[in-house]
Amino acid sequence: MALVILAGSFKMYYDKTQAEIEAFHLQLEQSIQNQKTLESTIEQQNENLKQAVENQEMMISQVEKLTKENMVAQNEVTDIRKKFSRHSIDVLSIRKPKLIENIINRGTKSVLNDLKDITDETQFDKNTDIPDASAS
């Protein structure tokens, strides 16, 4: 009888141990899946971080470029102001009206050409041949 009780105890211990082992295996599998998910998420976040750094570097280079262009424009403005400060347009227009008229006309024509160029609606078209939809 003691042997039967001992065998029964051993069987319960064995079943309990097997159940614990199965639970540990399930936990291990879940941990492995969680690890894969975390690695994938970390990899994606690293890619996002790399892209953000590249975008920031591109913006910094654009800001530097614009800063240089601004400095060039400021220098041009300074040069033009110096020229205007050396010349009295009022006196010059009275003494040489035809010269001033020609200068103004050339400048106006240049500005109008520039405006025409920058407002040309076809300047960004890659294909200027537009098929006629009514011909189909």
N, C-alpha and C. Protein backbone atom coordinates (compact mmCIF):
# COMPACT_ATOMS: atom_id res chain seq x y z
N MET A 1 0.81 -1.17 0.00
CA MET A 1 0.00 0.00 0.00
C MET A 1 0.87 1.26 0.00
N ALA A 2 1.96 1.20 0.77
CA ALA A 2 2.85 2.34 0.81
C ALA A 2 3.48 2.55 -0.57
N LEU A 3 3.69 1.48 -1.25
CA LEU A 3 4.26 1.57 -2.58
C LEU A 3 3.27 2.23 -3.55
N VAL A 4 2.01 1.97 -3.42
CA VAL A 4 0.99 2.55 -4.27
C VAL A 4 0.87 4.04 -3.98
N ILE A 5 0.93 4.40 -2.70
CA ILE A 5 0.87 5.82 -2.32
C ILE A 5 2.10 6.54 -2.85
N LEU A 6 3.25 5.88 -2.69
CA LEU A 6 4.50 6.46 -3.18
C LEU A 6 4.45 6.62 -4.70
N ALA A 7 3.93 5.65 -5.39
CA ALA A 7 3.81 5.72 -6.85
C ALA A 7 2.83 6.82 -7.23
N GLY A 8 1.74 6.96 -6.48
CA GLY A 8 0.77 8.02 -6.74
C GLY A 8 1.38 9.39 -6.52
N SER A 9 2.17 9.52 -5.45
CA SER A 9 2.85 10.78 -5.17
C SER A 9 3.84 11.11 -6.28
N PHE A 10 4.57 10.07 -6.67
CA PHE A 10 5.55 10.28 -7.73
C PHE A 10 4.85 10.71 -9.02
N LYS A 11 3.71 10.09 -9.33
CA LYS A 11 2.95 10.43 -10.52
C LYS A 11 2.48 11.88 -10.46
N MET A 12 1.95 12.32 -9.30
CA MET A 12 1.51 13.71 -9.15
C MET A 12 2.69 14.67 -9.29
N TYR A 13 3.83 14.28 -8.66
CA TYR A 13 5.03 15.13 -8.76
C TYR A 13 5.48 15.21 -10.22
N TYR A 14 5.46 14.08 -10.90
CA TYR A 14 5.87 14.04 -12.31
C TYR A 14 4.93 14.91 -13.16
N ASP A 15 3.62 14.77 -12.97
CA ASP A 15 2.65 15.56 -13.74
C ASP A 15 2.82 17.05 -13.46
N LYS A 16 3.01 17.39 -12.19
CA LYS A 16 3.20 18.79 -11.82
C LYS A 16 4.47 19.34 -12.47
N THR A 17 5.53 18.57 -12.43
CA THR A 17 6.80 18.99 -13.01
C THR A 17 6.67 19.15 -14.52
N GLN A 18 5.99 18.23 -15.16
CA GLN A 18 5.79 18.32 -16.60
C GLN A 18 4.96 19.56 -16.97
N ALA A 19 3.95 19.84 -16.15
CA ALA A 19 3.13 21.03 -16.39
C ALA A 19 3.97 22.29 -16.24
N GLU A 20 4.84 22.31 -15.23
CA GLU A 20 5.72 23.47 -15.04
C GLU A 20 6.69 23.61 -16.21
N ILE A 21 7.20 22.48 -16.67
CA ILE A 21 8.13 22.51 -17.82
C ILE A 21 7.41 23.04 -19.05
N GLU A 22 6.18 22.60 -19.29
CA GLU A 22 5.42 23.09 -20.43
C GLU A 22 5.14 24.59 -20.30
N ALA A 23 4.83 25.02 -19.07
CA ALA A 23 4.59 26.45 -18.84
C ALA A 23 5.86 27.24 -19.12
N PHE A 24 7.00 26.70 -18.68
CA PHE A 24 8.28 27.37 -18.94
C PHE A 24 8.58 27.42 -20.43
N HIS A 25 8.26 26.35 -21.15
CA HIS A 25 8.46 26.34 -22.60
C HIS A 25 7.59 27.40 -23.28
N LEU A 26 6.33 27.49 -22.82
CA LEU A 26 5.44 28.50 -23.38
C LEU A 26 5.97 29.90 -23.09
N GLN A 27 6.44 30.12 -21.87
CA GLN A 27 7.01 31.42 -21.51
C GLN A 27 8.26 31.71 -22.35
N LEU A 28 9.06 30.68 -22.57
CA LEU A 28 10.27 30.84 -23.39
C LEU A 28 9.90 31.21 -24.82
N GLU A 29 8.93 30.52 -25.40
CA GLU A 29 8.48 30.83 -26.76
C GLU A 29 7.94 32.26 -26.84
N GLN A 30 7.15 32.65 -25.82
CA GLN A 30 6.61 34.02 -25.79
C GLN A 30 7.75 35.02 -25.69
N SER A 31 8.75 34.71 -24.87
CA SER A 31 9.90 35.60 -24.74
C SER A 31 10.67 35.72 -26.04
N ILE A 32 10.81 34.61 -26.74
CA ILE A 32 11.50 34.63 -28.04
C ILE A 32 10.74 35.51 -29.03
N GLN A 33 9.42 35.37 -29.07
CA GLN A 33 8.60 36.19 -29.96
C GLN A 33 8.71 37.67 -29.56
N ASN A 34 8.67 37.94 -28.27
CA ASN A 34 8.81 39.33 -27.80
C ASN A 34 10.17 39.90 -28.19
N GLN A 35 11.22 39.08 -28.08
CA GLN A 35 12.57 39.51 -28.44
C GLN A 35 12.63 39.87 -29.92
N LYS A 36 12.01 39.03 -30.77
CA LYS A 36 12.00 39.31 -32.21
C LYS A 36 11.25 40.60 -32.50
N THR A 37 10.12 40.79 -31.81
CA THR A 37 9.34 42.01 -32.01
C THR A 37 10.14 43.23 -31.59
N LEU A 38 10.81 43.14 -30.44
CA LEU A 38 11.63 44.25 -29.96
C LEU A 38 12.78 44.55 -30.92
N GLU A 39 13.44 43.52 -31.41
CA GLU A 39 14.54 43.73 -32.35
C GLU A 39 14.05 44.41 -33.62
N SER A 40 12.90 43.97 -34.09
CA SER A 40 12.33 44.59 -35.30
C SER A 40 11.98 46.05 -35.04
N THR A 41 11.39 46.33 -33.90
CA THR A 41 11.03 47.70 -33.55
C THR A 41 12.27 48.58 -33.41
N ILE A 42 13.29 48.04 -32.76
CA ILE A 42 14.54 48.80 -32.58
C ILE A 42 15.18 49.07 -33.93
N GLU A 43 15.17 48.09 -34.81
CA GLU A 43 15.74 48.27 -36.16
C GLU A 43 14.98 49.36 -36.92
N GLN A 44 13.66 49.34 -36.82
CA GLN A 44 12.85 50.35 -37.49
C GLN A 44 13.12 51.74 -36.90
N GLN A 45 13.24 51.82 -35.59
CA GLN A 45 13.51 53.10 -34.95
C GLN A 45 14.90 53.61 -35.32
N ASN A 46 15.87 52.72 -35.46
CA ASN A 46 17.21 53.12 -35.89
C ASN A 46 17.17 53.68 -37.31
N GLU A 47 16.39 53.06 -38.19
CA GLU A 47 16.25 53.56 -39.56
C GLU A 47 15.58 54.93 -39.55
N ASN A 48 14.55 55.08 -38.73
CA ASN A 48 13.88 56.38 -38.62
C ASN A 48 14.84 57.44 -38.10
N LEU A 49 15.66 57.07 -37.14
CA LEU A 49 16.64 58.00 -36.59
C LEU A 49 17.67 58.40 -37.64
N LYS A 50 18.14 57.43 -38.42
CA LYS A 50 19.09 57.73 -39.50
C LYS A 50 18.47 58.70 -40.50
N GLN A 51 17.20 58.46 -40.86
CA GLN A 51 16.52 59.33 -41.81
C GLN A 51 16.37 60.73 -41.23
N ALA A 52 16.05 60.81 -39.94
CA ALA A 52 15.90 62.13 -39.31
C ALA A 52 17.22 62.88 -39.30
N VAL A 53 18.32 62.17 -39.05
CA VAL A 53 19.64 62.80 -39.05
C VAL A 53 19.99 63.28 -40.45
N GLU A 54 19.69 62.47 -41.46
CA GLU A 54 19.95 62.88 -42.85
C GLU A 54 19.13 64.11 -43.21
N ASN A 55 17.87 64.12 -42.79
CA ASN A 55 17.02 65.29 -43.07
C ASN A 55 17.55 66.53 -42.38
N GLN A 56 18.02 66.36 -41.15
CA GLN A 56 18.56 67.51 -40.42
C GLN A 56 19.83 68.03 -41.09
N GLU A 57 20.70 67.12 -41.53
CA GLU A 57 21.91 67.55 -42.22
C GLU A 57 21.57 68.28 -43.52
N MET A 58 20.55 67.79 -44.24
CA MET A 58 20.13 68.44 -45.47
C MET A 58 19.59 69.84 -45.17
N MET A 59 18.80 69.97 -44.10
CA MET A 59 18.27 71.28 -43.74
C MET A 59 19.39 72.23 -43.34
N ILE A 60 20.37 71.73 -42.62
CA ILE A 60 21.50 72.57 -42.21
C ILE A 60 22.25 73.06 -43.44
N SER A 61 22.47 72.17 -44.42
CA SER A 61 23.18 72.59 -45.63
C SER A 61 22.35 73.60 -46.41
N GLN A 62 21.03 73.43 -46.43
CA GLN A 62 20.17 74.40 -47.12
C GLN A 62 20.22 75.76 -46.41
N VAL A 63 20.21 75.73 -45.08
CA VAL A 63 20.29 77.00 -44.33
C VAL A 63 21.63 77.68 -44.60
N GLU A 64 22.71 76.91 -44.64
CA GLU A 64 24.02 77.49 -44.94
C GLU A 64 24.03 78.10 -46.34
N LYS A 65 23.45 77.38 -47.29
CA LYS A 65 23.39 77.88 -48.67
C LYS A 65 22.59 79.18 -48.73
N LEU A 66 21.43 79.19 -48.07
CA LEU A 66 20.61 80.40 -48.07
C LEU A 66 21.30 81.55 -47.35
N THR A 67 22.05 81.24 -46.32
CA THR A 67 22.79 82.27 -45.60
C THR A 67 23.84 82.90 -46.52
N LYS A 68 24.55 82.06 -47.28
CA LYS A 68 25.54 82.59 -48.22
C LYS A 68 24.87 83.44 -49.30
N GLU A 69 23.74 82.95 -49.82
CA GLU A 69 23.03 83.73 -50.84
C GLU A 69 22.53 85.05 -50.26
N ASN A 70 22.10 85.03 -49.01
CA ASN A 70 21.65 86.25 -48.36
C ASN A 70 22.81 87.24 -48.21
N MET A 71 23.99 86.73 -47.87
CA MET A 71 25.15 87.61 -47.74
C MET A 71 25.50 88.24 -49.09
N VAL A 72 25.42 87.46 -50.17
CA VAL A 72 25.69 87.99 -51.51
C VAL A 72 24.66 89.07 -51.85
N ALA A 73 23.39 88.80 -51.56
CA ALA A 73 22.35 89.78 -51.84
C ALA A 73 22.55 91.05 -51.00
N GLN A 74 22.94 90.90 -49.75
CA GLN A 74 23.19 92.07 -48.91
C GLN A 74 24.36 92.90 -49.45
N ASN A 75 25.39 92.22 -49.96
CA ASN A 75 26.51 92.93 -50.56
C ASN A 75 26.06 93.70 -51.81
N GLU A 76 25.20 93.09 -52.61
CA GLU A 76 24.68 93.79 -53.79
C GLU A 76 23.87 95.00 -53.38
N VAL A 77 23.05 94.85 -52.36
CA VAL A 77 22.25 95.99 -51.88
C VAL A 77 23.17 97.10 -51.39
N THR A 78 24.21 96.74 -50.67
CA THR A 78 25.17 97.73 -50.18
C THR A 78 25.84 98.45 -51.33
N ASP A 79 26.25 97.69 -52.37
CA ASP A 79 26.88 98.32 -53.54
C ASP A 79 25.92 99.28 -54.24
N ILE A 80 24.67 98.87 -54.40
CA ILE A 80 23.70 99.74 -55.06
C ILE A 80 23.44 100.99 -54.23
N ARG A 81 23.36 100.83 -52.91
CA ARG A 81 23.16 102.01 -52.05
C ARG A 81 24.34 102.97 -52.16
N LYS A 82 25.54 102.42 -52.24
CA LYS A 82 26.73 103.28 -52.40
C LYS A 82 26.66 104.04 -53.72
N LYS A 83 26.25 103.34 -54.79
CA LYS A 83 26.14 104.01 -56.10
C LYS A 83 25.12 105.13 -56.05
N PHE A 84 23.97 104.87 -55.45
CA PHE A 84 22.94 105.89 -55.36
C PHE A 84 23.38 107.05 -54.47
N SER A 85 24.18 106.76 -53.46
CA SER A 85 24.63 107.85 -52.59
C SER A 85 25.66 108.74 -53.31
N ARG A 86 26.39 108.19 -54.28
CA ARG A 86 27.38 108.97 -55.03
C ARG A 86 26.73 109.81 -56.12
N HIS A 87 25.59 109.38 -56.60
CA HIS A 87 24.95 110.08 -57.72
C HIS A 87 23.64 110.71 -57.26
N SER A 88 23.42 111.90 -57.72
CA SER A 88 22.15 112.56 -57.46
C SER A 88 21.28 112.37 -58.69
N ILE A 89 20.28 111.50 -58.58
CA ILE A 89 19.41 111.19 -59.72
C ILE A 89 18.65 112.44 -60.17
N ASP A 90 18.25 113.26 -59.21
CA ASP A 90 17.51 114.49 -59.57
C ASP A 90 18.34 115.39 -60.48
N VAL A 91 19.57 115.65 -60.07
CA VAL A 91 20.44 116.52 -60.86
C VAL A 91 20.77 115.88 -62.20
N LEU A 92 21.07 114.59 -62.17
CA LEU A 92 21.41 113.89 -63.39
C LEU A 92 20.23 113.86 -64.36
N SER A 93 19.01 113.69 -63.87
CA SER A 93 17.84 113.65 -64.75
C SER A 93 17.57 115.02 -65.37
N ILE A 94 17.92 116.07 -64.68
CA ILE A 94 17.75 117.40 -65.25
C ILE A 94 18.82 117.67 -66.31
N ARG A 95 20.05 117.26 -66.02
CA ARG A 95 21.15 117.51 -66.96
C ARG A 95 21.09 116.59 -68.17
N LYS A 96 20.79 115.30 -67.95
CA LYS A 96 20.80 114.33 -69.05
C LYS A 96 19.52 113.49 -69.00
N PRO A 97 18.40 114.05 -69.41
CA PRO A 97 17.13 113.31 -69.31
C PRO A 97 17.07 112.08 -70.21
N LYS A 98 17.68 112.17 -71.39
CA LYS A 98 17.65 111.04 -72.33
C LYS A 98 18.42 109.84 -71.75
N LEU A 99 19.54 110.12 -71.11
CA LEU A 99 20.33 109.06 -70.49
C LEU A 99 19.52 108.35 -69.41
N ILE A 100 18.87 109.12 -68.55
CA ILE A 100 18.06 108.53 -67.48
C ILE A 100 16.88 107.76 -68.07
N GLU A 101 16.27 108.31 -69.11
CA GLU A 101 15.14 107.62 -69.75
C GLU A 101 15.59 106.27 -70.31
N ASN A 102 16.74 106.23 -70.98
CA ASN A 102 17.26 104.97 -71.53
C ASN A 102 17.57 103.96 -70.42
N ILE A 103 18.18 104.44 -69.35
CA ILE A 103 18.50 103.54 -68.23
C ILE A 103 17.22 102.95 -67.64
N ILE A 104 16.22 103.81 -67.44
CA ILE A 104 14.95 103.35 -66.86
C ILE A 104 14.25 102.38 -67.82
N ASN A 105 14.26 102.68 -69.10
CA ASN A 105 13.61 101.79 -70.07
C ASN A 105 14.29 100.42 -70.13
N ARG A 106 15.64 100.41 -70.12
CA ARG A 106 16.36 99.13 -70.12
C ARG A 106 16.06 98.34 -68.85
N GLY A 107 16.07 99.02 -67.73
CA GLY A 107 15.77 98.35 -66.46
C GLY A 107 14.35 97.80 -66.42
N THR A 108 13.41 98.59 -66.90
CA THR A 108 12.01 98.16 -66.93
C THR A 108 11.86 96.96 -67.84
N LYS A 109 12.50 97.00 -69.00
CA LYS A 109 12.42 95.88 -69.94
C LYS A 109 13.03 94.62 -69.31
N SER A 110 14.15 94.77 -68.63
CA SER A 110 14.79 93.63 -67.97
C SER A 110 13.89 93.03 -66.89
N VAL A 111 13.28 93.91 -66.09
CA VAL A 111 12.38 93.43 -65.04
C VAL A 111 11.17 92.73 -65.65
N LEU A 112 10.60 93.29 -66.69
CA LEU A 112 9.45 92.66 -67.34
C LEU A 112 9.81 91.30 -67.92
N ASN A 113 11.00 91.19 -68.52
CA ASN A 113 11.45 89.89 -69.04
C ASN A 113 11.61 88.88 -67.91
N ASP A 114 12.19 89.34 -66.79
CA ASP A 114 12.34 88.45 -65.64
C ASP A 114 10.98 88.00 -65.12
N LEU A 115 10.04 88.92 -65.02
CA LEU A 115 8.70 88.57 -64.57
C LEU A 115 8.03 87.58 -65.51
N LYS A 116 8.22 87.81 -66.81
CA LYS A 116 7.65 86.92 -67.79
C LYS A 116 8.25 85.52 -67.65
N ASP A 117 9.57 85.46 -67.41
CA ASP A 117 10.24 84.16 -67.27
C ASP A 117 9.77 83.42 -66.02
N ILE A 118 9.66 84.12 -64.90
CA ILE A 118 9.32 83.42 -63.65
C ILE A 118 7.82 83.13 -63.54
N THR A 119 7.00 83.77 -64.35
CA THR A 119 5.57 83.48 -64.31
C THR A 119 5.12 82.64 -65.49
N ASP A 120 6.06 82.13 -66.25
CA ASP A 120 5.73 81.27 -67.39
C ASP A 120 5.18 79.96 -66.85
N GLU A 121 3.94 79.66 -67.16
CA GLU A 121 3.31 78.48 -66.59
C GLU A 121 3.84 77.18 -67.17
N THR A 122 4.58 77.23 -68.26
CA THR A 122 5.11 76.01 -68.86
C THR A 122 6.55 75.74 -68.46
N GLN A 123 7.11 76.56 -67.57
CA GLN A 123 8.53 76.40 -67.23
C GLN A 123 8.82 75.09 -66.50
N PHE A 124 7.83 74.50 -65.84
CA PHE A 124 8.06 73.27 -65.10
C PHE A 124 7.54 72.04 -65.82
N ASP A 125 6.97 72.24 -67.00
CA ASP A 125 6.47 71.11 -67.76
C ASP A 125 7.64 70.32 -68.32
N LYS A 126 7.61 69.01 -68.09
CA LYS A 126 8.66 68.17 -68.64
C LYS A 126 8.36 67.83 -70.09
N ASN A 127 7.10 67.63 -70.37
CA ASN A 127 6.68 67.28 -71.73
C ASN A 127 5.79 68.41 -72.24
N THR A 128 6.30 69.17 -73.18
CA THR A 128 5.54 70.32 -73.68
C THR A 128 4.53 69.90 -74.73
N ASP A 129 4.63 68.66 -75.24
CA ASP A 129 3.66 68.17 -76.23
C ASP A 129 2.47 67.60 -75.47
N ILE A 130 1.38 68.35 -75.46
CA ILE A 130 0.17 67.90 -74.77
C ILE A 130 -0.77 67.35 -75.81
N PRO A 131 -1.10 66.06 -75.70
CA PRO A 131 -2.00 65.49 -76.72
C PRO A 131 -3.39 66.09 -76.57
N ASP A 132 -4.02 66.25 -77.70
CA ASP A 132 -5.36 66.81 -77.72
C ASP A 132 -6.36 65.73 -77.33
N ALA A 133 -7.05 65.93 -76.20
CA ALA A 133 -7.98 64.92 -75.68
C ALA A 133 -9.20 64.78 -76.57
N SER A 134 -9.57 65.83 -77.28
CA SER A 134 -10.77 65.77 -78.14
C SER A 134 -10.49 64.99 -79.42
N ALA A 135 -9.20 64.80 -79.77
CA ALA A 135 -8.85 64.09 -81.01
C ALA A 135 -9.05 62.59 -80.86
N SER A 136 -9.08 62.07 -79.62
CA SER A 136 -9.21 60.62 -79.42
C SER A 136 -10.55 60.10 -79.78
